[in-house]
Amino acid sequence: MNKLKPELVRQLFLIILILFLFILILEEMIPYLSGVLGAITLYVLLRKFVKKLVKRGWKPGLAAGLAMLASFLIIIVPIGLTVMMLTNKIGKAVKNSERVIEVVKEQVGTWEADLGFKVSESIDTNSITSWVSTNLQNFAGGTFNVFIAVGIMYFMLYYMLINRTEMRKSLFAFIPLDAESIKRIGEESVAMVKSNALGIPLVAIAQGVVALIGFLIFGVPDPFFWFVITAIGSMIPFVGTLLGIVPVVILMVAGGDNLQAVGIAIYGLVVVGSTDNLIRLYVLEKLANVHPLVTLIGVIVGVPLFGFIGLIFGPLVISLFLLIVKIYKHEYGDSDPQLEEELNTDVSEA
């Protein structure tokens, strides 16, 4: 009977021990994982700025502190205010959802009389509003966990910015891949981080602003709330700005403002819809393209895991996962060069 070699047994024991400790650490870090991802994201966005300041004679600590302060004022404060607004508006959102559902039920009731079968009785208003309230609260996220995540993020970010060279050496020392693969991971990760952390929010804000102009023109009640909802909707593929436009139209009809409802519907379809394509085309020329399915799955995974910020970090996690799979295939997979060339040709032609 063949016995395992002592070297193999020791290697397997170390692998199991590493996996056990990794899972143990990860399980405890999941509530604050957004802080880790946030630190990596801000590092990618701020490292060149800090590097320029250091070349001009700034001390690394001072340069890192200025970059962190700027990121706090430009990124964290607006996100925090948005989350606070959504938290305070949960009651209004639930009330609006009740009104939207009642209007839909009334419209379905008129169709029932014409078609001869009943559907509206199966629409449970209380269950839907309860679901909306619960998910909005989860979307806003726990305040205590958010504060800890932000603290972890800036603690990590400070040392990442002032120890850029040492961190790069550590990555080459601890990641069990060759230098070429590590470099490839770094380059593609930077491109994905910029695309997810800059491209998605920029498109969302731009579309939200365009929609806000329409809300103000047509006298939509609480326009800034619907601006946030429209911007959030634009981050979700296949849903888009309809998440903000459609409920507004329904509420305007319910309030008897039929002319304004028609106006905002046309504005949403024509103006907001067309600017969506133009804005995305311009942004994607500057940044890496992210497939809509990656964004959609990322949102589905990221929002329950990270809350509001999962709209950005969710697609980033999925993109990093696909990149790691690609690196694994490159390192250990047996590939047919001719088949890969044919597949790439088919994809490019499609």
Protein backbone atom coordinates (compact mmCIF):
# COMPACT_ATOMS: atom_id res chain seq x y z
CA MET A 1 0.00 0.00 0.00
CA ASN A 2 1.44 3.37 -1.04
CA LYS A 3 1.93 5.89 1.73
CA LEU A 4 1.84 9.65 1.45
CA LYS A 5 5.22 11.27 1.52
CA PRO A 6 5.95 13.28 4.69
CA GLU A 7 6.63 16.39 2.60
CA LEU A 8 3.18 16.11 0.96
CA VAL A 9 1.50 15.59 4.34
CA ARG A 10 3.16 18.70 5.74
CA GLN A 11 2.19 20.68 2.65
CA LEU A 12 -1.45 19.55 2.88
CA PHE A 13 -1.51 20.35 6.59
CA LEU A 14 -0.22 23.88 5.96
CA ILE A 15 -2.74 24.43 3.13
CA ILE A 16 -5.63 23.28 5.36
CA LEU A 17 -4.38 25.47 8.21
CA ILE A 18 -4.07 28.51 5.90
CA LEU A 19 -7.58 27.94 4.51
CA PHE A 20 -9.02 27.50 8.00
CA LEU A 21 -7.46 30.72 9.31
CA PHE A 22 -8.42 32.59 6.11
CA ILE A 23 -12.07 31.52 6.40
CA LEU A 24 -12.08 32.38 10.12
CA ILE A 25 -10.69 35.87 9.46
CA LEU A 26 -12.96 36.43 6.44
CA GLU A 27 -16.08 35.41 8.38
CA GLU A 28 -15.38 38.04 11.01
CA MET A 29 -14.37 40.67 8.44
CA ILE A 30 -17.41 40.34 6.13
CA PRO A 31 -19.43 43.10 7.91
CA TYR A 32 -16.46 45.43 7.40
CA LEU A 33 -15.29 44.13 4.01
CA SER A 34 -16.58 47.31 2.40
CA GLY A 35 -13.90 49.19 4.35
CA VAL A 36 -11.16 46.99 2.87
CA LEU A 37 -12.53 47.37 -0.66
CA GLY A 38 -12.96 51.09 -0.06
CA ALA A 39 -9.31 51.42 0.96
CA ILE A 40 -8.19 49.60 -2.20
CA THR A 41 -10.48 51.74 -4.36
CA LEU A 42 -9.33 55.04 -2.87
CA TYR A 43 -5.71 53.92 -3.08
CA VAL A 44 -6.06 53.35 -6.82
CA LEU A 45 -7.69 56.76 -7.26
CA LEU A 46 -5.32 58.74 -5.00
CA ARG A 47 -1.91 57.11 -5.38
CA LYS A 48 -0.81 59.24 -8.37
CA PHE A 49 -1.93 62.42 -6.64
CA VAL A 50 0.07 61.52 -3.51
CA LYS A 51 3.07 60.55 -5.64
CA LYS A 52 3.04 63.99 -7.34
CA LEU A 53 2.88 65.77 -3.99
CA VAL A 54 5.82 63.74 -2.64
CA LYS A 55 7.87 64.58 -5.76
CA ARG A 56 7.18 68.27 -5.07
CA GLY A 57 8.73 67.95 -1.62
CA TRP A 58 5.73 67.08 0.55
CA LYS A 59 6.25 64.59 3.35
CA PRO A 60 4.49 61.28 2.60
CA GLY A 61 2.33 61.49 5.73
CA LEU A 62 1.20 65.04 4.95
CA ALA A 63 0.49 64.21 1.31
CA ALA A 64 -1.51 61.14 2.32
CA GLY A 65 -3.43 63.18 4.91
CA LEU A 66 -4.39 65.83 2.34
CA ALA A 67 -5.54 63.17 -0.15
CA MET A 68 -7.59 61.43 2.54
CA LEU A 69 -9.22 64.71 3.61
CA ALA A 70 -10.11 65.50 0.00
CA SER A 71 -11.59 62.03 -0.49
CA PHE A 72 -13.61 62.42 2.71
CA LEU A 73 -15.10 65.75 1.62
CA ILE A 74 -15.66 64.82 -2.04
CA ILE A 75 -16.74 61.17 -1.71
CA ILE A 76 -17.63 60.09 1.84
CA VAL A 77 -19.63 63.17 2.87
CA PRO A 78 -21.94 63.12 -0.21
CA ILE A 79 -22.46 59.35 0.17
CA GLY A 80 -23.16 59.76 3.87
CA LEU A 81 -25.66 62.55 3.26
CA THR A 82 -27.37 60.45 0.59
CA VAL A 83 -27.67 57.45 2.93
CA MET A 84 -28.98 59.71 5.72
CA MET A 85 -31.56 61.18 3.36
CA LEU A 86 -32.68 57.73 2.26
CA THR A 87 -32.89 56.61 5.89
CA ASN A 88 -35.01 59.63 6.84
CA LYS A 89 -37.18 59.18 3.75
CA ILE A 90 -37.95 55.49 4.32
CA GLY A 91 -41.39 56.41 5.68
CA LYS A 92 -42.06 58.63 2.66
CA ALA A 93 -40.81 55.92 0.29
CA VAL A 94 -43.14 53.37 1.90
CA LYS A 95 -46.04 55.81 1.70
CA ASN A 96 -45.25 56.52 -1.95
CA SER A 97 -45.05 52.79 -2.68
CA GLU A 98 -48.48 52.32 -1.11
CA ARG A 99 -49.91 55.04 -3.34
CA VAL A 100 -48.25 53.57 -6.43
CA ILE A 101 -49.63 50.10 -5.65
CA GLU A 102 -53.13 51.46 -5.01
CA VAL A 103 -53.09 53.31 -8.32
CA VAL A 104 -51.92 50.15 -10.10
CA LYS A 105 -54.67 48.14 -8.41
CA GLU A 106 -57.28 50.68 -9.52
CA GLN A 107 -56.02 50.52 -13.09
CA VAL A 108 -55.97 46.71 -13.00
CA GLY A 109 -59.54 46.84 -11.67
CA THR A 110 -60.67 48.78 -14.73
CA TRP A 111 -58.98 46.21 -16.98
CA GLU A 112 -60.68 43.39 -15.08
CA ALA A 113 -64.11 44.75 -15.95
CA ASP A 114 -63.19 44.71 -19.63
CA LEU A 115 -61.37 41.36 -19.72
CA GLY A 116 -63.70 39.42 -17.39
CA PHE A 117 -61.17 37.99 -14.87
CA LYS A 118 -59.81 39.26 -11.56
CA VAL A 119 -56.17 39.88 -10.74
CA SER A 120 -56.21 42.81 -8.29
CA GLU A 121 -57.35 40.63 -5.37
CA SER A 122 -54.03 38.78 -5.49
CA ILE A 123 -52.06 42.04 -5.07
CA ASP A 124 -51.30 42.27 -1.34
CA THR A 125 -50.50 45.92 -0.62
CA ASN A 126 -49.37 45.30 2.97
CA SER A 127 -46.92 42.56 2.00
CA ILE A 128 -45.39 44.69 -0.77
CA THR A 129 -44.99 47.78 1.42
CA SER A 130 -43.51 45.64 4.22
CA TRP A 131 -40.99 44.22 1.73
CA VAL A 132 -40.13 47.74 0.51
CA SER A 133 -39.62 49.01 4.07
CA THR A 134 -37.43 46.05 5.11
CA ASN A 135 -35.23 46.23 2.01
CA LEU A 136 -34.83 50.00 2.23
CA GLN A 137 -33.64 49.66 5.81
CA ASN A 138 -31.16 46.95 4.79
CA PHE A 139 -30.10 49.11 1.84
CA ALA A 140 -29.28 52.02 4.17
CA GLY A 141 -27.15 49.68 6.31
CA GLY A 142 -26.26 49.67 10.01
CA THR A 143 -24.79 52.92 11.28
CA PHE A 144 -22.36 51.26 13.71
CA ASN A 145 -20.91 48.92 11.07
CA VAL A 146 -20.58 51.83 8.63
CA PHE A 147 -18.52 53.87 11.11
CA ILE A 148 -16.21 50.92 11.81
CA ALA A 149 -15.86 50.21 8.07
CA VAL A 150 -14.95 53.84 7.35
CA GLY A 151 -12.41 53.79 10.20
CA ILE A 152 -10.83 50.58 8.84
CA MET A 153 -10.81 52.07 5.35
CA TYR A 154 -8.88 55.21 6.28
CA PHE A 155 -6.55 53.36 8.65
CA MET A 156 -5.58 50.98 5.83
CA LEU A 157 -5.53 53.75 3.22
CA TYR A 158 -3.04 55.85 5.19
CA TYR A 159 -0.47 53.07 5.40
CA MET A 160 -1.08 52.01 1.82
CA LEU A 161 -0.37 55.56 0.59
CA ILE A 162 2.78 56.15 2.64
CA ASN A 163 4.18 52.64 2.04
CA ARG A 164 3.46 52.15 -1.65
CA THR A 165 6.82 50.54 -2.48
CA GLU A 166 6.79 48.21 0.53
CA MET A 167 3.23 47.14 -0.25
CA ARG A 168 4.15 46.30 -3.83
CA LYS A 169 7.07 44.18 -2.62
CA SER A 170 4.80 42.41 -0.14
CA LEU A 171 2.34 41.52 -2.90
CA PHE A 172 5.14 39.97 -4.97
CA ALA A 173 6.38 38.11 -1.90
CA PHE A 174 3.08 36.66 -0.61
CA ILE A 175 0.96 36.05 -3.73
CA PRO A 176 1.90 32.60 -5.10
CA LEU A 177 1.94 33.65 -8.76
CA ASP A 178 4.67 34.64 -11.17
CA ALA A 179 5.61 38.30 -11.63
CA GLU A 180 3.86 38.54 -15.01
CA SER A 181 0.52 37.34 -13.60
CA ILE A 182 0.76 39.67 -10.58
CA LYS A 183 1.49 42.59 -12.89
CA ARG A 184 -1.46 41.64 -15.08
CA ILE A 185 -3.75 41.40 -12.04
CA GLY A 186 -2.57 44.83 -10.93
CA GLU A 187 -3.11 46.51 -14.30
CA GLU A 188 -6.55 44.98 -14.91
CA SER A 189 -7.61 45.60 -11.30
CA VAL A 190 -6.72 49.28 -11.61
CA ALA A 191 -8.75 49.53 -14.83
CA MET A 192 -11.73 47.78 -13.23
CA VAL A 193 -11.58 49.88 -10.07
CA LYS A 194 -11.56 53.08 -12.10
CA SER A 195 -14.44 51.87 -14.25
CA ASN A 196 -16.57 50.80 -11.28
CA ALA A 197 -15.63 53.56 -8.84
CA LEU A 198 -15.63 56.42 -11.39
CA GLY A 199 -17.62 55.34 -14.43
CA ILE A 200 -20.75 53.97 -12.72
CA PRO A 201 -21.20 56.89 -10.24
CA LEU A 202 -20.44 59.54 -12.89
CA VAL A 203 -23.07 58.13 -15.26
CA ALA A 204 -25.56 57.82 -12.38
CA ILE A 205 -25.04 61.40 -11.18
CA ALA A 206 -25.22 62.80 -14.71
CA GLN A 207 -28.47 60.98 -15.43
CA GLY A 208 -29.86 61.97 -12.06
CA VAL A 209 -29.11 65.64 -12.76
CA VAL A 210 -30.79 65.45 -16.18
CA ALA A 211 -33.84 63.83 -14.56
CA LEU A 212 -33.80 66.42 -11.73
CA ILE A 213 -34.08 69.23 -14.28
CA GLY A 214 -37.22 67.57 -15.63
CA PHE A 215 -38.63 67.06 -12.13
CA LEU A 216 -38.16 70.77 -11.38
CA ILE A 217 -39.64 71.86 -14.72
CA PHE A 218 -42.81 69.77 -14.29
CA GLY A 219 -43.24 70.49 -10.60
CA VAL A 220 -42.67 66.98 -9.22
CA PRO A 221 -43.05 66.89 -5.41
CA ASP A 222 -39.84 66.18 -3.49
CA PRO A 223 -37.64 66.29 -6.63
CA PHE A 224 -34.30 65.70 -4.85
CA PHE A 225 -35.57 62.43 -3.36
CA TRP A 226 -36.55 61.22 -6.83
CA PHE A 227 -33.21 62.48 -8.15
CA VAL A 228 -31.46 60.04 -5.78
CA ILE A 229 -33.81 57.19 -6.72
CA THR A 230 -33.26 57.86 -10.44
CA ALA A 231 -29.48 57.98 -9.99
CA ILE A 232 -29.53 54.69 -8.06
CA GLY A 233 -31.72 53.12 -10.73
CA SER A 234 -29.29 54.12 -13.47
CA MET A 235 -26.64 51.95 -11.77
CA ILE A 236 -28.81 48.84 -12.25
CA PRO A 237 -28.76 47.37 -15.79
CA PHE A 238 -32.10 46.60 -17.42
CA VAL A 239 -33.84 48.79 -14.80
CA GLY A 240 -32.14 52.14 -15.33
CA THR A 241 -33.79 55.48 -14.72
CA LEU A 242 -37.25 53.91 -15.03
CA LEU A 243 -36.91 53.17 -11.31
CA GLY A 244 -37.34 56.88 -10.69
CA ILE A 245 -39.38 58.00 -13.72
CA VAL A 246 -42.21 55.43 -13.64
CA PRO A 247 -43.25 55.92 -9.98
CA VAL A 248 -43.19 59.70 -10.48
CA VAL A 249 -45.51 59.41 -13.49
CA ILE A 250 -47.89 57.14 -11.56
CA LEU A 251 -47.96 59.48 -8.56
CA MET A 252 -48.59 62.49 -10.80
CA VAL A 253 -51.52 60.67 -12.44
CA ALA A 254 -52.86 59.69 -9.00
CA GLY A 255 -52.70 63.35 -7.95
CA GLY A 256 -54.69 64.43 -11.01
CA ASP A 257 -51.73 66.13 -12.72
CA ASN A 258 -52.20 64.28 -16.01
CA LEU A 259 -50.53 66.93 -18.18
CA GLN A 260 -47.41 67.02 -16.01
CA ALA A 261 -47.38 63.20 -15.93
CA VAL A 262 -47.38 63.03 -19.73
CA GLY A 263 -44.67 65.68 -19.85
CA ILE A 264 -42.37 63.91 -17.39
CA ALA A 265 -42.99 60.57 -19.16
CA ILE A 266 -41.95 62.03 -22.52
CA TYR A 267 -39.02 63.84 -20.91
CA GLY A 268 -37.87 60.62 -19.24
CA LEU A 269 -38.10 58.51 -22.38
CA VAL A 270 -36.66 61.05 -24.83
CA VAL A 271 -34.27 63.32 -22.94
CA VAL A 272 -33.09 61.10 -20.06
CA GLY A 273 -33.04 58.00 -22.28
CA SER A 274 -30.97 59.63 -25.01
CA THR A 275 -28.53 61.26 -22.61
CA ASP A 276 -27.99 57.82 -21.05
CA ASN A 277 -26.44 56.52 -24.28
CA LEU A 278 -24.42 59.69 -24.86
CA ILE A 279 -23.05 59.82 -21.31
CA ARG A 280 -22.18 56.12 -21.22
CA LEU A 281 -20.49 56.35 -24.63
CA TYR A 282 -18.34 59.28 -23.49
CA VAL A 283 -17.42 57.70 -20.13
CA LEU A 284 -16.65 54.27 -21.61
CA GLU A 285 -14.25 55.89 -24.09
CA LYS A 286 -12.23 57.12 -21.12
CA LEU A 287 -12.58 54.06 -18.87
CA ALA A 288 -12.74 50.28 -19.23
CA ASN A 289 -16.08 48.82 -20.27
CA VAL A 290 -18.00 46.68 -17.78
CA HIS A 291 -20.48 44.16 -19.17
CA PRO A 292 -24.08 44.83 -18.03
CA LEU A 293 -24.42 41.26 -16.72
CA VAL A 294 -21.37 41.77 -14.49
CA THR A 295 -22.94 44.96 -13.16
CA LEU A 296 -26.35 43.33 -12.64
CA ILE A 297 -24.97 40.28 -10.80
CA GLY A 298 -22.67 42.60 -8.84
CA VAL A 299 -25.61 44.70 -7.67
CA ILE A 300 -27.57 41.57 -6.69
CA VAL A 301 -24.61 40.31 -4.65
CA GLY A 302 -23.25 43.64 -3.43
CA VAL A 303 -26.32 45.39 -2.03
CA PRO A 304 -27.24 42.63 0.50
CA LEU A 305 -23.56 42.29 1.42
CA PHE A 306 -22.44 45.93 1.58
CA GLY A 307 -25.64 47.99 1.60
CA PHE A 308 -25.78 51.22 -0.44
CA ILE A 309 -22.10 51.12 -1.37
CA GLY A 310 -22.65 47.62 -2.81
CA LEU A 311 -23.86 49.32 -6.01
CA ILE A 312 -20.19 50.04 -6.67
CA PHE A 313 -18.35 47.30 -4.77
CA GLY A 314 -20.62 44.47 -5.96
CA PRO A 315 -19.62 44.76 -9.65
CA LEU A 316 -16.02 45.24 -8.53
CA VAL A 317 -16.05 41.94 -6.60
CA ILE A 318 -17.54 40.08 -9.60
CA SER A 319 -14.97 41.65 -11.93
CA LEU A 320 -12.11 40.65 -9.62
CA PHE A 321 -13.51 37.11 -9.38
CA LEU A 322 -13.58 36.79 -13.18
CA LEU A 323 -10.06 38.18 -13.37
CA ILE A 324 -8.76 35.59 -10.86
CA VAL A 325 -10.46 32.80 -12.84
CA LYS A 326 -8.80 34.14 -16.00
CA ILE A 327 -5.39 34.21 -14.28
CA TYR A 328 -5.90 30.65 -13.00
CA LYS A 329 -6.74 29.47 -16.52
CA HIS A 330 -3.68 31.25 -17.85
CA GLU A 331 -1.43 29.73 -15.16
CA TYR A 332 -2.70 26.14 -15.01
CA GLY A 333 -5.26 25.55 -17.76
CA ASP A 334 -4.52 23.72 -20.97
CA SER A 335 -5.76 25.93 -23.79
CA ASP A 336 -5.87 25.50 -27.54
CA PRO A 337 -4.40 28.66 -29.17
CA GLN A 338 -6.26 28.02 -32.42
CA LEU A 339 -9.60 27.61 -30.60
CA GLU A 340 -9.01 30.77 -28.54
CA GLU A 341 -8.20 32.70 -31.71
CA GLU A 342 -11.42 31.46 -33.38
CA LEU A 343 -13.49 32.37 -30.31
CA ASN A 344 -11.95 35.85 -30.10
CA THR A 345 -12.67 36.33 -33.84
CA ASP A 346 -16.30 35.26 -33.38
CA VAL A 347 -16.74 37.61 -30.41
CA SER A 348 -15.19 40.57 -32.24
CA GLU A 349 -17.37 39.95 -35.31
CA ALA A 350 -20.50 39.67 -33.17
